[in-house]
Amino acid sequence: MSEKLFDELIALQEEKVFRLAEKIIPHITRDDILQPNDFPALENHPFFRYEEGVLEGLRTARMALRAKTCE
């Protein structure tokens, strides 16, 4: 996988997470979802937490790829 592909996957997942957050809290902003613990409706929503976890997994995989290519 290339870093460009990871960037595209991450951008798509970020949009998915934001759209889901908007369904839960209509007035939410992109900055707000950086701290979902400030919003109990997000913090305790299993689908939001799952999609957020997928996003973090993609980010972690991209960092591992970067580290591997720097060796």
PDB file of N, CA and C in Angstrom:
ATOM      1  N   MET A   1       0.848  -1.187   0.000  1.00  0.00           N
ATOM      2  CA  MET A   1       0.000   0.000   0.000  1.00  0.00           C
ATOM      3  C   MET A   1       0.884   1.236   0.000  1.00  0.00           C
ATOM      4  N   SER A   2       0.454   2.226  -0.725  1.00  0.00           N
ATOM      5  CA  SER A   2       1.221   3.464  -0.755  1.00  0.00           C
ATOM      6  C   SER A   2       0.641   4.462   0.242  1.00  0.00           C
ATOM      7  N   GLU A   3       1.449   5.436   0.590  1.00  0.00           N
ATOM      8  CA  GLU A   3       0.987   6.460   1.521  1.00  0.00           C
ATOM      9  C   GLU A   3      -0.172   7.255   0.927  1.00  0.00           C
ATOM     10  N   LYS A   4      -0.158   7.442  -0.388  1.00  0.00           N
ATOM     11  CA  LYS A   4      -1.254   8.164  -1.049  1.00  0.00           C
ATOM     12  C   LYS A   4      -2.576   7.429  -0.843  1.00  0.00           C
ATOM     13  N   LEU A   5      -2.550   6.110  -0.950  1.00  0.00           N
ATOM     14  CA  LEU A   5      -3.763   5.325  -0.736  1.00  0.00           C
ATOM     15  C   LEU A   5      -4.246   5.479   0.704  1.00  0.00           C
ATOM     16  N   PHE A   6      -3.319   5.424   1.657  1.00  0.00           N
ATOM     17  CA  PHE A   6      -3.703   5.641   3.050  1.00  0.00           C
ATOM     18  C   PHE A   6      -4.321   7.021   3.235  1.00  0.00           C
ATOM     19  N   ASP A   7      -3.744   8.037   2.605  1.00  0.00           N
ATOM     20  CA  ASP A   7      -4.294   9.390   2.711  1.00  0.00           C
ATOM     21  C   ASP A   7      -5.736   9.438   2.203  1.00  0.00           C
ATOM     22  N   GLU A   8      -5.988   8.754   1.098  1.00  0.00           N
ATOM     23  CA  GLU A   8      -7.346   8.727   0.541  1.00  0.00           C
ATOM     24  C   GLU A   8      -8.308   7.978   1.462  1.00  0.00           C
ATOM     25  N   LEU A   9      -7.877   6.839   1.977  1.00  0.00           N
ATOM     26  CA  LEU A   9      -8.720   6.069   2.889  1.00  0.00           C
ATOM     27  C   LEU A   9      -9.024   6.858   4.158  1.00  0.00           C
ATOM     28  N   ILE A  10      -8.030   7.549   4.675  1.00  0.00           N
ATOM     29  CA  ILE A  10      -8.209   8.349   5.885  1.00  0.00           C
ATOM     30  C   ILE A  10      -9.178   9.494   5.629  1.00  0.00           C
ATOM     31  N   ALA A  11      -9.042  10.166   4.500  1.00  0.00           N
ATOM     32  CA  ALA A  11      -9.959  11.267   4.171  1.00  0.00           C
ATOM     33  C   ALA A  11     -11.400  10.765   4.074  1.00  0.00           C
ATOM     34  N   LEU A  12     -11.595   9.618   3.446  1.00  0.00           N
ATOM     35  CA  LEU A  12     -12.940   9.046   3.343  1.00  0.00           C
ATOM     36  C   LEU A  12     -13.497   8.676   4.715  1.00  0.00           C
ATOM     37  N   GLN A  13     -12.657   8.096   5.556  1.00  0.00           N
ATOM     38  CA  GLN A  13     -13.114   7.696   6.887  1.00  0.00           C
ATOM     39  C   GLN A  13     -13.388   8.917   7.760  1.00  0.00           C
ATOM     40  N   GLU A  14     -12.578   9.964   7.634  1.00  0.00           N
ATOM     41  CA  GLU A  14     -12.837  11.199   8.382  1.00  0.00           C
ATOM     42  C   GLU A  14     -14.207  11.765   8.022  1.00  0.00           C
ATOM     43  N   GLU A  15     -14.531  11.739   6.748  1.00  0.00           N
ATOM     44  CA  GLU A  15     -15.843  12.225   6.297  1.00  0.00           C
ATOM     45  C   GLU A  15     -16.960  11.347   6.851  1.00  0.00           C
ATOM     46  N   LYS A  16     -16.749  10.048   6.849  1.00  0.00           N
ATOM     47  CA  LYS A  16     -17.748   9.117   7.378  1.00  0.00           C
ATOM     48  C   LYS A  16     -17.990   9.368   8.864  1.00  0.00           C
ATOM     49  N   VAL A  17     -16.915   9.564   9.617  1.00  0.00           N
ATOM     50  CA  VAL A  17     -17.029   9.834  11.051  1.00  0.00           C
ATOM     51  C   VAL A  17     -17.775  11.146  11.283  1.00  0.00           C
ATOM     52  N   PHE A  18     -17.452  12.169  10.506  1.00  0.00           N
ATOM     53  CA  PHE A  18     -18.121  13.460  10.672  1.00  0.00           C
ATOM     54  C   PHE A  18     -19.608  13.355  10.340  1.00  0.00           C
ATOM     55  N   ARG A  19     -19.946  12.690   9.251  1.00  0.00           N
ATOM     56  CA  ARG A  19     -21.362  12.552   8.865  1.00  0.00           C
ATOM     57  C   ARG A  19     -22.146  11.774   9.925  1.00  0.00           C
ATOM     58  N   LEU A  20     -21.547  10.757  10.492  1.00  0.00           N
ATOM     59  CA  LEU A  20     -22.205  10.011  11.558  1.00  0.00           C
ATOM     60  C   LEU A  20     -22.394  10.899  12.784  1.00  0.00           C
ATOM     61  N   ALA A  21     -21.372  11.660  13.136  1.00  0.00           N
ATOM     62  CA  ALA A  21     -21.482  12.574  14.277  1.00  0.00           C
ATOM     63  C   ALA A  21     -22.586  13.601  14.043  1.00  0.00           C
ATOM     64  N   GLU A  22     -22.711  14.082  12.813  1.00  0.00           N
ATOM     65  CA  GLU A  22     -23.775  15.046  12.476  1.00  0.00           C
ATOM     66  C   GLU A  22     -25.166  14.445  12.652  1.00  0.00           C
ATOM     67  N   LYS A  23     -25.306  13.164  12.373  1.00  0.00           N
ATOM     68  CA  LYS A  23     -26.604  12.510  12.575  1.00  0.00           C
ATOM     69  C   LYS A  23     -26.949  12.425  14.057  1.00  0.00           C
ATOM     70  N   ILE A  24     -25.926  12.280  14.881  1.00  0.00           N
ATOM     71  CA  ILE A  24     -26.138  12.152  16.319  1.00  0.00           C
ATOM     72  C   ILE A  24     -26.334  13.527  16.955  1.00  0.00           C
ATOM     73  N   ILE A  25     -25.500  14.492  16.560  1.00  0.00           N
ATOM     74  CA  ILE A  25     -25.555  15.867  17.079  1.00  0.00           C
ATOM     75  C   ILE A  25     -25.520  16.804  15.870  1.00  0.00           C
ATOM     76  N   PRO A  26     -26.668  17.290  15.431  1.00  0.00           N
ATOM     77  CA  PRO A  26     -26.735  18.073  14.185  1.00  0.00           C
ATOM     78  C   PRO A  26     -25.841  19.316  14.123  1.00  0.00           C
ATOM     79  N   HIS A  27     -25.567  19.953  15.230  1.00  0.00           N
ATOM     80  CA  HIS A  27     -24.776  21.194  15.226  1.00  0.00           C
ATOM     81  C   HIS A  27     -23.272  20.964  15.410  1.00  0.00           C
ATOM     82  N   ILE A  28     -22.839  19.732  15.379  1.00  0.00           N
ATOM     83  CA  ILE A  28     -21.426  19.404  15.639  1.00  0.00           C
ATOM     84  C   ILE A  28     -20.518  19.976  14.546  1.00  0.00           C
ATOM     85  N   THR A  29     -19.301  20.321  14.929  1.00  0.00           N
ATOM     86  CA  THR A  29     -18.312  20.796  13.957  1.00  0.00           C
ATOM     87  C   THR A  29     -17.195  19.755  13.839  1.00  0.00           C
ATOM     88  N   ARG A  30     -16.373  19.921  12.820  1.00  0.00           N
ATOM     89  CA  ARG A  30     -15.244  18.999  12.638  1.00  0.00           C
ATOM     90  C   ARG A  30     -14.262  19.101  13.808  1.00  0.00           C
ATOM     91  N   ASP A  31     -14.096  20.287  14.352  1.00  0.00           N
ATOM     92  CA  ASP A  31     -13.223  20.439  15.517  1.00  0.00           C
ATOM     93  C   ASP A  31     -13.802  19.731  16.737  1.00  0.00           C
ATOM     94  N   ASP A  32     -15.120  19.764  16.876  1.00  0.00           N
ATOM     95  CA  ASP A  32     -15.764  19.121  18.022  1.00  0.00           C
ATOM     96  C   ASP A  32     -15.471  17.627  18.085  1.00  0.00           C
ATOM     97  N   ILE A  33     -15.422  16.975  16.942  1.00  0.00           N
ATOM     98  CA  ILE A  33     -15.246  15.516  16.989  1.00  0.00           C
ATOM     99  C   ILE A  33     -13.809  15.109  17.312  1.00  0.00           C
ATOM    100  N   LEU A  34     -12.913  16.093  17.409  1.00  0.00           N
ATOM    101  CA  LEU A  34     -11.555  15.780  17.861  1.00  0.00           C
ATOM    102  C   LEU A  34     -11.542  15.447  19.352  1.00  0.00           C
ATOM    103  N   GLN A  35     -12.568  15.904  20.078  1.00  0.00           N
ATOM    104  CA  GLN A  35     -12.717  15.622  21.508  1.00  0.00           C
ATOM    105  C   GLN A  35     -14.113  15.063  21.770  1.00  0.00           C
ATOM    106  N   PRO A  36     -14.395  13.854  21.309  1.00  0.00           N
ATOM    107  CA  PRO A  36     -15.752  13.322  21.473  1.00  0.00           C
ATOM    108  C   PRO A  36     -16.151  13.126  22.929  1.00  0.00           C
ATOM    109  N   ASN A  37     -15.170  13.056  23.822  1.00  0.00           N
ATOM    110  CA  ASN A  37     -15.500  12.896  25.239  1.00  0.00           C
ATOM    111  C   ASN A  37     -16.215  14.120  25.802  1.00  0.00           C
ATOM    112  N   ASP A  38     -16.184  15.249  25.090  1.00  0.00           N
ATOM    113  CA  ASP A  38     -16.937  16.436  25.502  1.00  0.00           C
ATOM    114  C   ASP A  38     -18.424  16.296  25.190  1.00  0.00           C
ATOM    115  N   PHE A  39     -18.780  15.278  24.439  1.00  0.00           N
ATOM    116  CA  PHE A  39     -20.157  15.065  24.004  1.00  0.00           C
ATOM    117  C   PHE A  39     -20.590  13.654  24.395  1.00  0.00           C
ATOM    118  N   PRO A  40     -21.309  13.512  25.499  1.00  0.00           N
ATOM    119  CA  PRO A  40     -21.720  12.174  25.938  1.00  0.00           C
ATOM    120  C   PRO A  40     -22.460  11.371  24.866  1.00  0.00           C
ATOM    121  N   ALA A  41     -23.220  12.059  24.016  1.00  0.00           N
ATOM    122  CA  ALA A  41     -23.946  11.341  22.960  1.00  0.00           C
ATOM    123  C   ALA A  41     -22.983  10.656  21.989  1.00  0.00           C
ATOM    124  N   LEU A  42     -21.823  11.253  21.760  1.00  0.00           N
ATOM    125  CA  LEU A  42     -20.805  10.620  20.910  1.00  0.00           C
ATOM    126  C   LEU A  42     -19.991   9.608  21.699  1.00  0.00           C
ATOM    127  N   GLU A  43     -19.587  10.005  22.870  1.00  0.00           N
ATOM    128  CA  GLU A  43     -18.735   9.164  23.712  1.00  0.00           C
ATOM    129  C   GLU A  43     -19.372   7.795  23.959  1.00  0.00           C
ATOM    130  N   ASN A  44     -20.677   7.776  24.081  1.00  0.00           N
ATOM    131  CA  ASN A  44     -21.377   6.538  24.418  1.00  0.00           C
ATOM    132  C   ASN A  44     -22.081   5.886  23.233  1.00  0.00           C
ATOM    133  N   HIS A  45     -21.821   6.370  22.030  1.00  0.00           N
ATOM    134  CA  HIS A  45     -22.485   5.819  20.845  1.00  0.00           C
ATOM    135  C   HIS A  45     -21.599   4.739  20.219  1.00  0.00           C
ATOM    136  N   PRO A  46     -22.045   3.490  20.235  1.00  0.00           N
ATOM    137  CA  PRO A  46     -21.171   2.400  19.772  1.00  0.00           C
ATOM    138  C   PRO A  46     -20.772   2.499  18.301  1.00  0.00           C
ATOM    139  N   PHE A  47     -21.671   2.944  17.433  1.00  0.00           N
ATOM    140  CA  PHE A  47     -21.315   3.043  16.015  1.00  0.00           C
ATOM    141  C   PHE A  47     -20.300   4.151  15.783  1.00  0.00           C
ATOM    142  N   PHE A  48     -20.464   5.270  16.475  1.00  0.00           N
ATOM    143  CA  PHE A  48     -19.491   6.357  16.342  1.00  0.00           C
ATOM    144  C   PHE A  48     -18.127   5.895  16.830  1.00  0.00           C
ATOM    145  N   ARG A  49     -18.097   5.244  17.991  1.00  0.00           N
ATOM    146  CA  ARG A  49     -16.819   4.796  18.553  1.00  0.00           C
ATOM    147  C   ARG A  49     -16.147   3.773  17.633  1.00  0.00           C
ATOM    148  N   TYR A  50     -16.933   2.907  17.010  1.00  0.00           N
ATOM    149  CA  TYR A  50     -16.373   1.925  16.079  1.00  0.00           C
ATOM    150  C   TYR A  50     -15.726   2.628  14.887  1.00  0.00           C
ATOM    151  N   GLU A  51     -16.463   3.542  14.254  1.00  0.00           N
ATOM    152  CA  GLU A  51     -15.941   4.244  13.075  1.00  0.00           C
ATOM    153  C   GLU A  51     -14.733   5.096  13.438  1.00  0.00           C
ATOM    154  N   GLU A  52     -14.749   5.680  14.618  1.00  0.00           N
ATOM    155  CA  GLU A  52     -13.589   6.444  15.089  1.00  0.00           C
ATOM    156  C   GLU A  52     -12.383   5.519  15.267  1.00  0.00           C
ATOM    157  N   GLY A  53     -12.629   4.305  15.749  1.00  0.00           N
ATOM    158  CA  GLY A  53     -11.558   3.323  15.901  1.00  0.00           C
ATOM    159  C   GLY A  53     -10.973   2.890  14.565  1.00  0.00           C
ATOM    160  N   VAL A  54     -11.828   2.735  13.563  1.00  0.00           N
ATOM    161  CA  VAL A  54     -11.350   2.415  12.213  1.00  0.00           C
ATOM    162  C   VAL A  54     -10.439   3.532  11.722  1.00  0.00           C
ATOM    163  N   LEU A  55     -10.850   4.774  11.933  1.00  0.00           N
ATOM    164  CA  LEU A  55     -10.043   5.925  11.522  1.00  0.00           C
ATOM    165  C   LEU A  55      -8.682   5.907  12.212  1.00  0.00           C
ATOM    166  N   GLU A  56      -8.663   5.666  13.500  1.00  0.00           N
ATOM    167  CA  GLU A  56      -7.388   5.633  14.221  1.00  0.00           C
ATOM    168  C   GLU A  56      -6.515   4.472  13.754  1.00  0.00           C
ATOM    169  N   GLY A  57      -7.124   3.354  13.407  1.00  0.00           N
ATOM    170  CA  GLY A  57      -6.366   2.228  12.871  1.00  0.00           C
ATOM    171  C   GLY A  57      -5.699   2.567  11.548  1.00  0.00           C
ATOM    172  N   LEU A  58      -6.422   3.271  10.688  1.00  0.00           N
ATOM    173  CA  LEU A  58      -5.840   3.702   9.412  1.00  0.00           C
ATOM    174  C   LEU A  58      -4.681   4.667   9.637  1.00  0.00           C
ATOM    175  N   ARG A  59      -4.857   5.578  10.569  1.00  0.00           N
ATOM    176  CA  ARG A  59      -3.778   6.534  10.870  1.00  0.00           C
ATOM    177  C   ARG A  59      -2.551   5.807  11.418  1.00  0.00           C
ATOM    178  N   THR A  60      -2.780   4.823  12.265  1.00  0.00           N
ATOM    179  CA  THR A  60      -1.676   4.048  12.827  1.00  0.00           C
ATOM    180  C   THR A  60      -0.952   3.263  11.737  1.00  0.00           C
ATOM    181  N   ALA A  61      -1.698   2.668  10.830  1.00  0.00           N
ATOM    182  CA  ALA A  61      -1.087   1.917   9.729  1.00  0.00           C
ATOM    183  C   ALA A  61      -0.264   2.840   8.830  1.00  0.00           C
ATOM    184  N   ARG A  62      -0.763   4.057   8.596  1.00  0.00           N
ATOM    185  CA  ARG A  62       0.000   5.015   7.777  1.00  0.00           C
ATOM    186  C   ARG A  62       1.319   5.366   8.464  1.00  0.00           C
ATOM    187  N   MET A  63       1.286   5.557   9.765  1.00  0.00           N
ATOM    188  CA  MET A  63       2.517   5.874  10.496  1.00  0.00           C
ATOM    189  C   MET A  63       3.492   4.701  10.455  1.00  0.00           C
ATOM    190  N   ALA A  64       2.986   3.476  10.537  1.00  0.00           N
ATOM    191  CA  ALA A  64       3.856   2.301  10.444  1.00  0.00           C
ATOM    192  C   ALA A  64       4.509   2.224   9.065  1.00  0.00           C
ATOM    193  N   LEU A  65       3.743   2.541   8.032  1.00  0.00           N
ATOM    194  CA  LEU A  65       4.298   2.556   6.678  1.00  0.00           C
ATOM    195  C   LEU A  65       5.389   3.613   6.556  1.00  0.00           C
ATOM    196  N   ARG A  66       5.138   4.784   7.108  1.00  0.00           N
ATOM    197  CA  ARG A  66       6.148   5.852   7.071  1.00  0.00           C
ATOM    198  C   ARG A  66       7.419   5.418   7.788  1.00  0.00           C
ATOM    199  N   ALA A  67       7.254   4.799   8.951  1.00  0.00           N
ATOM    200  CA  ALA A  67       8.418   4.352   9.716  1.00  0.00           C
ATOM    201  C   ALA A  67       9.199   3.292   8.941  1.00  0.00           C
ATOM    202  N   LYS A  68       8.492   2.401   8.297  1.00  0.00           N
ATOM    203  CA  LYS A  68       9.145   1.332   7.538  1.00  0.00           C
ATOM    204  C   LYS A  68       9.905   1.892   6.338  1.00  0.00           C
ATOM    205  N   THR A  69       9.347   2.896   5.674  1.00  0.00           N
ATOM    206  CA  THR A  69      10.016   3.452   4.499  1.00  0.00           C
ATOM    207  C   THR A  69      11.194   4.339   4.878  1.00  0.00           C
ATOM    208  N   CYS A  70      11.275   4.747   6.143  1.00  0.00           N
ATOM    209  CA  CYS A  70      12.411   5.571   6.592  1.00  0.00           C
ATOM    210  C   CYS A  70      13.616   4.721   6.963  1.00  0.00           C
ATOM    211  N   GLU A  71      13.431   3.426   7.081  1.00  0.00           N
ATOM    212  CA  GLU A  71      14.537   2.536   7.469  1.00  0.00           C
ATOM    213  C   GLU A  71      15.554   2.406   6.369  1.00  0.00           C
TER     214      GLU A  71
END
